[in-house]
Amino acid sequence: MFEGLICGVDEAGRGPLAGPVYAAAVILGREFNTEGLRDSKKISESKRYILAEKIKQNSLAWSIGICTAGEIDELNIHQATLLAMQRAIKGLSGYPSIKIMVDGLFCPQVDFSCEAIVKGDDKIAEISAASIIAKTERDLKMIEIDKAYPAYQFRKHKGYPTKFHIEMIKSQGLCEYHRRSFSPIKEMLAL
């Protein structure tokens, strides 16, 4: 059923000081209309959510893999990202015998043919789709986290090191979602 198809894989959330890292794996299929798909960072937030719904409803398969802030601290962000990608690929139904194409320089350890493509999220529709799914799903998680920790305003900055977020860490301390192994946080803790 999936023979000869491409599975695109990308991540969202490598750079933030808080929250999980998300990866998505997407198999669009030959009939999918790829119009509008590109790197999620180059698409407005509202359009990302529209495209994410289109991908979820019309792709052959999609899956999310997550690594928590604790796992990131334990493994490091690079290894945690690869693990999230591996989890996303393993989460696909039917275990496809297809080619995996990953955005970036590194491939996760999987039992399939895998190719890393720099800027693949703007070149390969399946990777663009994975970029959009990973970004929107992570953003929704950060909005959920914001409800538990409203002082940090995760809804606005999604855990990235904005001036406001850094000020809140200094005044409020850390919450369970902060990545304690990240240099800016280690430096603040040392003060």
Protein backbone atom coordinates (compact mmCIF):
# COMPACT_ATOMS: atom_id res chain seq x y z
CA MET A 1 0.00 0.00 0.00
CA PHE A 2 2.78 2.47 0.87
CA GLU A 3 5.36 1.05 -1.57
CA GLY A 4 7.33 3.70 -3.46
CA LEU A 5 6.05 6.61 -1.38
CA ILE A 6 7.97 9.22 0.59
CA CYS A 7 7.60 9.86 4.31
CA GLY A 8 8.62 13.41 5.23
CA VAL A 9 9.97 14.06 8.72
CA ASP A 10 10.68 17.36 10.48
CA GLU A 11 10.84 18.78 13.99
CA ALA A 12 9.68 21.85 15.85
CA GLY A 13 11.03 23.27 19.07
CA ARG A 14 14.78 22.73 19.10
CA GLY A 15 15.58 26.28 20.19
CA PRO A 16 13.10 27.13 22.98
CA LEU A 17 14.04 27.24 26.65
CA ALA A 18 10.85 25.43 27.60
CA GLY A 19 8.52 22.74 26.37
CA PRO A 20 8.94 19.48 24.49
CA VAL A 21 10.49 18.99 21.07
CA TYR A 22 8.00 17.65 18.53
CA ALA A 23 8.61 15.71 15.33
CA ALA A 24 6.11 14.74 12.67
CA ALA A 25 6.19 12.04 10.01
CA VAL A 26 3.83 12.46 7.06
CA ILE A 27 2.99 10.34 4.02
CA LEU A 28 1.01 12.55 1.64
CA GLY A 29 0.30 10.08 -1.14
CA ARG A 30 0.28 10.64 -4.86
CA GLU A 31 -3.14 12.32 -5.02
CA PHE A 32 -2.44 14.98 -2.38
CA ASN A 33 -2.64 18.60 -3.62
CA THR A 34 0.64 20.10 -2.37
CA GLU A 35 -0.24 23.73 -3.17
CA GLY A 36 0.80 26.05 -0.34
CA LEU A 37 3.09 23.57 1.41
CA ARG A 38 6.45 24.97 2.45
CA ASP A 39 8.63 25.51 5.53
CA SER A 40 6.22 26.20 8.42
CA LYS A 41 8.29 29.23 9.50
CA LYS A 42 7.47 30.90 6.17
CA ILE A 43 3.70 30.54 6.59
CA SER A 44 1.42 32.69 8.74
CA GLU A 45 0.03 31.09 11.89
CA SER A 46 -3.55 31.07 10.59
CA LYS A 47 -2.53 29.47 7.28
CA ARG A 48 -0.44 26.86 9.14
CA TYR A 49 -3.52 25.67 11.04
CA ILE A 50 -5.59 25.49 7.83
CA LEU A 51 -2.86 23.49 6.07
CA ALA A 52 -2.40 21.25 9.13
CA GLU A 53 -6.08 20.27 8.99
CA LYS A 54 -5.82 19.61 5.26
CA ILE A 55 -2.77 17.39 5.84
CA LYS A 56 -4.43 15.49 8.70
CA GLN A 57 -7.62 14.88 6.72
CA ASN A 58 -6.14 14.11 3.29
CA SER A 59 -2.72 12.49 3.80
CA LEU A 60 -2.32 8.71 3.77
CA ALA A 61 -0.77 8.78 7.25
CA TRP A 62 0.73 11.15 9.81
CA SER A 63 2.20 10.73 13.26
CA ILE A 64 3.76 12.82 16.03
CA GLY A 65 6.76 11.97 18.19
CA ILE A 66 7.59 13.93 21.33
CA CYS A 67 10.51 14.27 23.72
CA THR A 68 9.84 16.05 26.98
CA ALA A 69 11.97 18.76 28.56
CA GLY A 70 13.23 16.11 31.01
CA GLU A 71 14.30 13.83 28.17
CA ILE A 72 15.98 16.78 26.45
CA ASP A 73 17.94 17.50 29.64
CA GLU A 74 18.88 13.84 29.97
CA LEU A 75 19.86 13.19 26.34
CA ASN A 76 20.70 16.65 24.88
CA ILE A 77 18.59 18.44 22.27
CA HIS A 78 20.21 16.75 19.27
CA GLN A 79 19.61 13.20 20.54
CA ALA A 80 16.12 14.11 21.82
CA THR A 81 15.19 15.49 18.39
CA LEU A 82 16.35 12.29 16.68
CA LEU A 83 14.40 10.23 19.24
CA ALA A 84 11.23 12.31 18.63
CA MET A 85 11.68 11.69 14.88
CA GLN A 86 12.14 7.98 15.48
CA ARG A 87 8.95 7.93 17.60
CA ALA A 88 7.02 9.78 14.87
CA ILE A 89 8.13 7.29 12.21
CA LYS A 90 7.31 4.32 14.45
CA GLY A 91 3.87 5.83 15.09
CA LEU A 92 2.81 5.55 11.46
CA SER A 93 0.18 2.93 10.86
CA GLY A 94 1.13 0.01 8.64
CA TYR A 95 4.90 0.43 9.05
CA PRO A 96 5.54 1.60 5.50
CA SER A 97 8.32 0.23 3.34
CA ILE A 98 9.04 3.66 1.97
CA LYS A 99 11.83 6.20 1.73
CA ILE A 100 12.19 8.50 4.74
CA MET A 101 13.28 12.08 3.96
CA VAL A 102 14.29 14.23 6.93
CA ASP A 103 14.85 17.97 7.10
CA GLY A 104 18.39 18.84 8.19
CA LEU A 105 21.72 17.08 8.42
CA PHE A 106 20.94 13.96 10.46
CA CYS A 107 18.66 10.94 10.18
CA PRO A 108 17.15 9.08 13.12
CA GLN A 109 17.98 5.41 13.52
CA VAL A 110 15.21 3.57 11.68
CA ASP A 111 14.85 0.36 9.70
CA PHE A 112 14.08 2.20 6.45
CA SER A 113 16.06 4.00 3.79
CA CYS A 114 16.56 7.50 5.16
CA GLU A 115 17.99 10.67 3.61
CA ALA A 116 18.71 13.99 5.34
CA ILE A 117 18.10 17.06 3.18
CA VAL A 118 19.24 20.53 4.21
CA LYS A 119 16.32 22.96 3.87
CA GLY A 120 14.18 19.99 2.88
CA ASP A 121 11.17 21.66 4.50
CA ASP A 122 11.15 24.13 1.60
CA LYS A 123 12.04 21.61 -1.14
CA ILE A 124 10.09 18.39 -0.49
CA ALA A 125 6.29 18.57 0.00
CA GLU A 126 6.24 15.68 2.49
CA ILE A 127 8.86 17.38 4.66
CA SER A 128 6.95 20.69 4.41
CA ALA A 129 3.84 18.86 5.59
CA ALA A 130 5.77 17.35 8.51
CA SER A 131 7.13 20.81 9.37
CA ILE A 132 3.59 22.22 9.47
CA ILE A 133 2.21 19.37 11.59
CA ALA A 134 5.12 19.44 14.06
CA LYS A 135 4.89 23.23 14.46
CA THR A 136 1.11 23.43 14.90
CA GLU A 137 0.97 20.47 17.30
CA ARG A 138 3.80 21.89 19.42
CA ASP A 139 2.20 25.34 19.45
CA LEU A 140 -1.06 23.79 20.67
CA LYS A 141 0.87 22.05 23.46
CA MET A 142 2.50 25.34 24.48
CA ILE A 143 -0.95 26.98 24.62
CA GLU A 144 -2.06 24.12 26.89
CA ILE A 145 1.04 24.61 29.10
CA ASP A 146 0.23 28.33 29.24
CA LYS A 147 -3.04 27.49 31.03
CA ALA A 148 -1.10 25.73 33.81
CA TYR A 149 1.61 28.43 34.02
CA PRO A 150 0.00 31.71 32.81
CA ALA A 151 2.70 33.97 34.28
CA TYR A 152 5.21 32.84 31.64
CA GLN A 153 2.81 33.59 28.73
CA PHE A 154 3.91 30.50 26.79
CA ARG A 155 0.93 31.13 24.50
CA LYS A 156 2.75 34.16 23.06
CA HIS A 157 6.38 33.06 22.74
CA LYS A 158 6.00 29.24 22.74
CA GLY A 159 8.99 28.87 25.09
CA TYR A 160 11.51 30.72 22.91
CA PRO A 161 14.05 32.96 24.68
CA THR A 162 12.24 36.28 24.29
CA LYS A 163 13.13 39.19 26.56
CA PHE A 164 9.83 38.75 28.43
CA HIS A 165 10.34 34.99 28.90
CA ILE A 166 13.85 35.52 30.28
CA GLU A 167 12.55 38.21 32.66
CA MET A 168 9.84 35.81 33.88
CA ILE A 169 12.36 33.04 34.49
CA LYS A 170 14.43 35.49 36.55
CA SER A 171 11.42 36.65 38.58
CA GLN A 172 9.33 33.44 38.78
CA GLY A 173 12.02 30.77 38.62
CA LEU A 174 11.64 27.65 36.52
CA CYS A 175 8.61 25.46 35.95
CA GLU A 176 8.58 21.75 35.14
CA TYR A 177 8.66 22.49 31.39
CA HIS A 178 11.91 24.46 31.38
CA ARG A 179 15.01 22.85 29.89
CA ARG A 180 17.52 23.07 32.71
CA SER A 181 20.42 21.88 30.53
CA PHE A 182 20.20 24.84 28.13
CA SER A 183 23.02 27.38 28.49
CA PRO A 184 20.87 30.51 29.07
CA ILE A 185 19.02 28.76 31.90
CA LYS A 186 22.23 27.36 33.41
CA GLU A 187 23.70 30.86 33.33
CA MET A 188 20.61 32.32 35.06
CA LEU A 189 20.70 29.60 37.71
CA ALA A 190 24.36 30.37 38.39
CA LEU A 191 23.61 34.04 39.18
